[in-house]
PDB file of N, CA and C in Angstrom:
ATOM      1  N   UNK A   1       4.036  25.682 -10.404  1.00  0.00           N
ATOM      2  CA  UNK A   1       3.058  24.602 -10.359  1.00  0.00           C
ATOM      3  C   UNK A   1       3.753  23.294  -9.988  1.00  0.00           C
ATOM      4  N   UNK A   2       3.105  22.514  -9.150  1.00  0.00           N
ATOM      5  CA  UNK A   2       3.650  21.236  -8.708  1.00  0.00           C
ATOM      6  C   UNK A   2       3.509  20.196  -9.807  1.00  0.00           C
ATOM      7  N   UNK A   3       4.559  19.455 -10.032  1.00  0.00           N
ATOM      8  CA  UNK A   3       4.530  18.403 -11.041  1.00  0.00           C
ATOM      9  C   UNK A   3       4.095  17.084 -10.385  1.00  0.00           C
ATOM     10  N   UNK A   4       3.359  16.260 -11.118  1.00  0.00           N
ATOM     11  CA  UNK A   4       2.965  14.959 -10.563  1.00  0.00           C
ATOM     12  C   UNK A   4       4.184  14.056 -10.390  1.00  0.00           C
ATOM     13  N   UNK A   5       4.073  13.117  -9.460  1.00  0.00           N
ATOM     14  CA  UNK A   5       5.131  12.133  -9.257  1.00  0.00           C
ATOM     15  C   UNK A   5       5.170  11.126 -10.401  1.00  0.00           C
ATOM     16  N   UNK A   6       3.996  10.847 -10.973  1.00  0.00           N
ATOM     17  CA  UNK A   6       3.920   9.883 -12.068  1.00  0.00           C
ATOM     18  C   UNK A   6       2.627  10.084 -12.844  1.00  0.00           C
ATOM     19  N   UNK A   7       2.684   9.813 -14.139  1.00  0.00           N
ATOM     20  CA  UNK A   7       1.504   9.749 -15.004  1.00  0.00           C
ATOM     21  C   UNK A   7       1.673   8.481 -15.816  1.00  0.00           C
ATOM     22  N   UNK A   8       0.685   7.608 -15.766  1.00  0.00           N
ATOM     23  CA  UNK A   8       0.816   6.351 -16.491  1.00  0.00           C
ATOM     24  C   UNK A   8      -0.534   5.845 -16.968  1.00  0.00           C
ATOM     25  N   UNK A   9      -0.483   5.154 -18.077  1.00  0.00           N
ATOM     26  CA  UNK A   9      -1.659   4.441 -18.555  1.00  0.00           C
ATOM     27  C   UNK A   9      -1.543   3.019 -18.035  1.00  0.00           C
ATOM     28  N   UNK A  10      -2.651   2.464 -17.601  1.00  0.00           N
ATOM     29  CA  UNK A  10      -2.592   1.103 -17.074  1.00  0.00           C
ATOM     30  C   UNK A  10      -3.946   0.437 -17.206  1.00  0.00           C
ATOM     31  N   UNK A  11      -3.922  -0.871 -17.038  1.00  0.00           N
ATOM     32  CA  UNK A  11      -5.161  -1.619 -16.980  1.00  0.00           C
ATOM     33  C   UNK A  11      -5.462  -1.911 -15.522  1.00  0.00           C
ATOM     34  N   UNK A  12      -6.699  -2.162 -15.220  1.00  0.00           N
ATOM     35  CA  UNK A  12      -7.097  -2.493 -13.856  1.00  0.00           C
ATOM     36  C   UNK A  12      -7.036  -4.006 -13.720  1.00  0.00           C
ATOM     37  N   UNK A  13      -6.200  -4.470 -12.816  1.00  0.00           N
ATOM     38  CA  UNK A  13      -6.020  -5.912 -12.639  1.00  0.00           C
ATOM     39  C   UNK A  13      -7.080  -6.527 -11.745  1.00  0.00           C
ATOM     40  N   UNK A  14      -7.476  -5.785 -10.711  1.00  0.00           N
ATOM     41  CA  UNK A  14      -8.440  -6.342  -9.768  1.00  0.00           C
ATOM     42  C   UNK A  14      -9.184  -5.216  -9.067  1.00  0.00           C
ATOM     43  N   UNK A  15     -10.480  -5.388  -8.957  1.00  0.00           N
ATOM     44  CA  UNK A  15     -11.329  -4.480  -8.188  1.00  0.00           C
ATOM     45  C   UNK A  15     -12.214  -5.349  -7.314  1.00  0.00           C
ATOM     46  N   UNK A  16     -12.199  -5.100  -6.015  1.00  0.00           N
ATOM     47  CA  UNK A  16     -13.064  -5.880  -5.132  1.00  0.00           C
ATOM     48  C   UNK A  16     -13.405  -5.060  -3.893  1.00  0.00           C
ATOM     49  N   UNK A  17     -14.434  -5.491  -3.203  1.00  0.00           N
ATOM     50  CA  UNK A  17     -14.842  -4.860  -1.951  1.00  0.00           C
ATOM     51  C   UNK A  17     -14.403  -5.764  -0.807  1.00  0.00           C
ATOM     52  N   UNK A  18     -13.750  -5.169   0.180  1.00  0.00           N
ATOM     53  CA  UNK A  18     -13.262  -5.912   1.333  1.00  0.00           C
ATOM     54  C   UNK A  18     -14.402  -6.116   2.337  1.00  0.00           C
ATOM     55  N   UNK A  19     -14.178  -6.970   3.318  1.00  0.00           N
ATOM     56  CA  UNK A  19     -15.193  -7.291   4.325  1.00  0.00           C
ATOM     57  C   UNK A  19     -15.652  -6.057   5.088  1.00  0.00           C
ATOM     58  N   UNK A  20     -14.767  -5.088   5.266  1.00  0.00           N
ATOM     59  CA  UNK A  20     -15.140  -3.873   5.997  1.00  0.00           C
ATOM     60  C   UNK A  20     -15.827  -2.839   5.119  1.00  0.00           C
ATOM     61  N   UNK A  21     -16.037  -3.172   3.841  1.00  0.00           N
ATOM     62  CA  UNK A  21     -16.735  -2.277   2.933  1.00  0.00           C
ATOM     63  C   UNK A  21     -15.825  -1.366   2.135  1.00  0.00           C
ATOM     64  N   UNK A  22     -14.527  -1.392   2.397  1.00  0.00           N
ATOM     65  CA  UNK A  22     -13.611  -0.525   1.648  1.00  0.00           C
ATOM     66  C   UNK A  22     -13.229  -1.185   0.328  1.00  0.00           C
ATOM     67  N   UNK A  23     -13.024  -0.379  -0.708  1.00  0.00           N
ATOM     68  CA  UNK A  23     -12.676  -0.939  -2.014  1.00  0.00           C
ATOM     69  C   UNK A  23     -11.186  -1.233  -2.113  1.00  0.00           C
ATOM     70  N   UNK A  24     -10.826  -2.141  -2.993  1.00  0.00           N
ATOM     71  CA  UNK A  24      -9.429  -2.415  -3.314  1.00  0.00           C
ATOM     72  C   UNK A  24      -9.301  -2.453  -4.825  1.00  0.00           C
ATOM     73  N   UNK A  25      -8.374  -1.679  -5.335  1.00  0.00           N
ATOM     74  CA  UNK A  25      -8.044  -1.728  -6.754  1.00  0.00           C
ATOM     75  C   UNK A  25      -6.534  -1.824  -6.879  1.00  0.00           C
ATOM     76  N   UNK A  26      -6.003  -2.876  -6.278  1.00  0.00           N
ATOM     77  CA  UNK A  26      -4.569  -3.134  -6.195  1.00  0.00           C
ATOM     78  C   UNK A  26      -3.853  -2.087  -5.365  1.00  0.00           C
ATOM     79  N   UNK A  27      -4.391  -0.905  -5.255  1.00  0.00           N
ATOM     80  CA  UNK A  27      -3.933   0.089  -4.300  1.00  0.00           C
ATOM     81  C   UNK A  27      -4.965   0.104  -3.191  1.00  0.00           C
ATOM     82  N   UNK A  28      -4.543   0.216  -1.970  1.00  0.00           N
ATOM     83  CA  UNK A  28      -5.509   0.291  -0.882  1.00  0.00           C
ATOM     84  C   UNK A  28      -6.076   1.697  -0.770  1.00  0.00           C
ATOM     85  N   UNK A  29      -7.337   1.802  -0.417  1.00  0.00           N
ATOM     86  CA  UNK A  29      -7.981   3.105  -0.263  1.00  0.00           C
ATOM     87  C   UNK A  29      -8.962   3.040   0.895  1.00  0.00           C
ATOM     88  N   UNK A  30      -9.294   4.187   1.433  1.00  0.00           N
ATOM     89  CA  UNK A  30     -10.276   4.247   2.503  1.00  0.00           C
ATOM     90  C   UNK A  30     -11.689   4.136   1.955  1.00  0.00           C
ATOM     91  N   UNK A  31     -12.639   4.017   2.858  1.00  0.00           N
ATOM     92  CA  UNK A  31     -14.031   3.831   2.457  1.00  0.00           C
ATOM     93  C   UNK A  31     -14.572   4.979   1.625  1.00  0.00           C
ATOM     94  N   UNK A  32     -13.979   6.166   1.743  1.00  0.00           N
ATOM     95  CA  UNK A  32     -14.449   7.310   0.956  1.00  0.00           C
ATOM     96  C   UNK A  32     -14.223   7.111  -0.539  1.00  0.00           C
ATOM     97  N   UNK A  33     -13.412   6.137  -0.923  1.00  0.00           N
ATOM     98  CA  UNK A  33     -13.162   5.860  -2.339  1.00  0.00           C
ATOM     99  C   UNK A  33     -14.197   4.911  -2.947  1.00  0.00           C
ATOM    100  N   UNK A  34     -15.174   4.469  -2.152  1.00  0.00           N
ATOM    101  CA  UNK A  34     -16.205   3.566  -2.675  1.00  0.00           C
ATOM    102  C   UNK A  34     -16.920   4.143  -3.892  1.00  0.00           C
ATOM    103  N   UNK A  35     -17.022   5.462  -3.955  1.00  0.00           N
ATOM    104  CA  UNK A  35     -17.719   6.083  -5.089  1.00  0.00           C
ATOM    105  C   UNK A  35     -17.039   5.790  -6.420  1.00  0.00           C
ATOM    106  N   UNK A  36     -15.780   5.348  -6.387  1.00  0.00           N
ATOM    107  CA  UNK A  36     -15.059   5.038  -7.618  1.00  0.00           C
ATOM    108  C   UNK A  36     -15.059   3.556  -7.947  1.00  0.00           C
ATOM    109  N   UNK A  37     -15.548   2.736  -7.032  1.00  0.00           N
ATOM    110  CA  UNK A  37     -15.489   1.291  -7.216  1.00  0.00           C
ATOM    111  C   UNK A  37     -16.216   0.845  -8.475  1.00  0.00           C
ATOM    112  N   UNK A  38     -17.427   1.312  -8.691  1.00  0.00           N
ATOM    113  CA  UNK A  38     -18.183   0.874  -9.874  1.00  0.00           C
ATOM    114  C   UNK A  38     -17.553   1.394 -11.167  1.00  0.00           C
ATOM    115  N   UNK A  39     -16.999   2.595 -11.126  1.00  0.00           N
ATOM    116  CA  UNK A  39     -16.340   3.157 -12.319  1.00  0.00           C
ATOM    117  C   UNK A  39     -15.138   2.297 -12.701  1.00  0.00           C
ATOM    118  N   UNK A  40     -14.318   1.933 -11.702  1.00  0.00           N
ATOM    119  CA  UNK A  40     -13.137   1.116 -11.980  1.00  0.00           C
ATOM    120  C   UNK A  40     -13.519  -0.303 -12.379  1.00  0.00           C
ATOM    121  N   UNK A  41     -14.538  -0.867 -11.740  1.00  0.00           N
ATOM    122  CA  UNK A  41     -14.990  -2.212 -12.096  1.00  0.00           C
ATOM    123  C   UNK A  41     -15.519  -2.245 -13.525  1.00  0.00           C
ATOM    124  N   UNK A  42     -16.245  -1.208 -13.924  1.00  0.00           N
ATOM    125  CA  UNK A  42     -16.768  -1.149 -15.296  1.00  0.00           C
ATOM    126  C   UNK A  42     -15.626  -1.017 -16.304  1.00  0.00           C
ATOM    127  N   UNK A  43     -14.640  -0.184 -16.000  1.00  0.00           N
ATOM    128  CA  UNK A  43     -13.482  -0.051 -16.887  1.00  0.00           C
ATOM    129  C   UNK A  43     -12.754  -1.382 -17.013  1.00  0.00           C
ATOM    130  N   UNK A  44     -12.626  -2.088 -15.885  1.00  0.00           N
ATOM    131  CA  UNK A  44     -11.965  -3.392 -15.911  1.00  0.00           C
ATOM    132  C   UNK A  44     -12.768  -4.386 -16.738  1.00  0.00           C
ATOM    133  N   UNK A  45     -14.069  -4.440 -16.541  1.00  0.00           N
ATOM    134  CA  UNK A  45     -14.923  -5.388 -17.263  1.00  0.00           C
ATOM    135  C   UNK A  45     -14.905  -5.137 -18.772  1.00  0.00           C
ATOM    136  N   UNK A  46     -14.751  -3.884 -19.155  1.00  0.00           N
ATOM    137  CA  UNK A  46     -14.728  -3.529 -20.578  1.00  0.00           C
ATOM    138  C   UNK A  46     -13.320  -3.476 -21.155  1.00  0.00           C
ATOM    139  N   UNK A  47     -12.339  -3.960 -20.372  1.00  0.00           N
ATOM    140  CA  UNK A  47     -10.936  -3.999 -20.807  1.00  0.00           C
ATOM    141  C   UNK A  47     -10.432  -2.641 -21.274  1.00  0.00           C
ATOM    142  N   UNK A  48     -10.823  -1.594 -20.565  1.00  0.00           N
ATOM    143  CA  UNK A  48     -10.390  -0.239 -20.915  1.00  0.00           C
ATOM    144  C   UNK A  48      -9.116   0.118 -20.166  1.00  0.00           C
ATOM    145  N   UNK A  49      -8.288   0.906 -20.804  1.00  0.00           N
ATOM    146  CA  UNK A  49      -7.123   1.467 -20.137  1.00  0.00           C
ATOM    147  C   UNK A  49      -7.554   2.712 -19.385  1.00  0.00           C
ATOM    148  N   UNK A  50      -6.867   3.011 -18.310  1.00  0.00           N
ATOM    149  CA  UNK A  50      -7.122   4.239 -17.574  1.00  0.00           C
ATOM    150  C   UNK A  50      -5.814   5.013 -17.478  1.00  0.00           C
ATOM    151  N   UNK A  51      -5.913   6.280 -17.195  1.00  0.00           N
ATOM    152  CA  UNK A  51      -4.712   7.074 -16.958  1.00  0.00           C
ATOM    153  C   UNK A  51      -4.706   7.474 -15.493  1.00  0.00           C
ATOM    154  N   UNK A  52      -3.599   7.215 -14.844  1.00  0.00           N
ATOM    155  CA  UNK A  52      -3.442   7.497 -13.425  1.00  0.00           C
ATOM    156  C   UNK A  52      -2.428   8.625 -13.278  1.00  0.00           C
ATOM    157  N   UNK A  53      -2.792   9.640 -12.516  1.00  0.00           N
ATOM    158  CA  UNK A  53      -1.895  10.754 -12.234  1.00  0.00           C
ATOM    159  C   UNK A  53      -1.662  10.767 -10.732  1.00  0.00           C
ATOM    160  N   UNK A  54      -0.414  10.666 -10.334  1.00  0.00           N
ATOM    161  CA  UNK A  54      -0.076  10.544  -8.921  1.00  0.00           C
ATOM    162  C   UNK A  54       0.640  11.805  -8.448  1.00  0.00           C
ATOM    163  N   UNK A  55       0.066  12.401  -7.407  1.00  0.00           N
ATOM    164  CA  UNK A  55       0.669  13.551  -6.741  1.00  0.00           C
ATOM    165  C   UNK A  55       0.950  13.183  -5.293  1.00  0.00           C
ATOM    166  N   UNK A  56       1.948  13.785  -4.718  1.00  0.00           N
ATOM    167  CA  UNK A  56       2.116  13.750  -3.274  1.00  0.00           C
ATOM    168  C   UNK A  56       0.861  14.396  -2.694  1.00  0.00           C
ATOM    169  N   UNK A  57       0.309  13.838  -1.629  1.00  0.00           N
ATOM    170  CA  UNK A  57      -0.967  14.324  -1.090  1.00  0.00           C
ATOM    171  C   UNK A  57      -0.903  15.805  -0.728  1.00  0.00           C
ATOM    172  N   UNK A  58       0.177  16.233  -0.088  1.00  0.00           N
ATOM    173  CA  UNK A  58       0.306  17.646   0.292  1.00  0.00           C
ATOM    174  C   UNK A  58       0.363  18.548  -0.931  1.00  0.00           C
ATOM    175  N   UNK A  59       1.079  18.123  -1.964  1.00  0.00           N
ATOM    176  CA  UNK A  59       1.143  18.905  -3.209  1.00  0.00           C
ATOM    177  C   UNK A  59      -0.223  18.993  -3.853  1.00  0.00           C
ATOM    178  N   UNK A  60      -0.987  17.905  -3.827  1.00  0.00           N
ATOM    179  CA  UNK A  60      -2.315  17.897  -4.430  1.00  0.00           C
ATOM    180  C   UNK A  60      -3.245  18.854  -3.675  1.00  0.00           C
ATOM    181  N   UNK A  61      -3.163  18.838  -2.342  1.00  0.00           N
ATOM    182  CA  UNK A  61      -3.974  19.754  -1.555  1.00  0.00           C
ATOM    183  C   UNK A  61      -3.649  21.207  -1.889  1.00  0.00           C
ATOM    184  N   UNK A  62      -2.391  21.500  -2.122  1.00  0.00           N
ATOM    185  CA  UNK A  62      -1.979  22.868  -2.526  1.00  0.00           C
ATOM    186  C   UNK A  62      -2.574  23.218  -3.891  1.00  0.00           C
ATOM    187  N   UNK A  63      -2.526  22.262  -4.817  1.00  0.00           N
ATOM    188  CA  UNK A  63      -3.101  22.501  -6.147  1.00  0.00           C
ATOM    189  C   UNK A  63      -4.593  22.779  -6.061  1.00  0.00           C
ATOM    190  N   UNK A  64      -5.298  22.024  -5.227  1.00  0.00           N
ATOM    191  CA  UNK A  64      -6.735  22.222  -5.080  1.00  0.00           C
ATOM    192  C   UNK A  64      -7.061  23.603  -4.511  1.00  0.00           C
ATOM    193  N   UNK A  65      -6.231  24.077  -3.605  1.00  0.00           N
ATOM    194  CA  UNK A  65      -6.513  25.363  -2.955  1.00  0.00           C
ATOM    195  C   UNK A  65      -6.152  26.558  -3.825  1.00  0.00           C
ATOM    196  N   UNK A  66      -5.296  26.367  -4.820  1.00  0.00           N
ATOM    197  CA  UNK A  66      -4.895  27.470  -5.712  1.00  0.00           C
ATOM    198  C   UNK A  66      -5.931  27.794  -6.751  1.00  0.00           C
TER     199      UNK A  66
END
């Protein structure tokens, strides 16, 4: 099984929508991540911590297919 590159608890510092409609949550993401914008904004507004699990994209695709 592939191990994640990082697992961390963190707070959301900033969530905003860019002029082109793509979301920004301190990490850049494509427009397909818009579905998470309201979830992250709500967590930020409520001062909640989140847990982030980071995989190499290719490793994550392998995990999904298994």
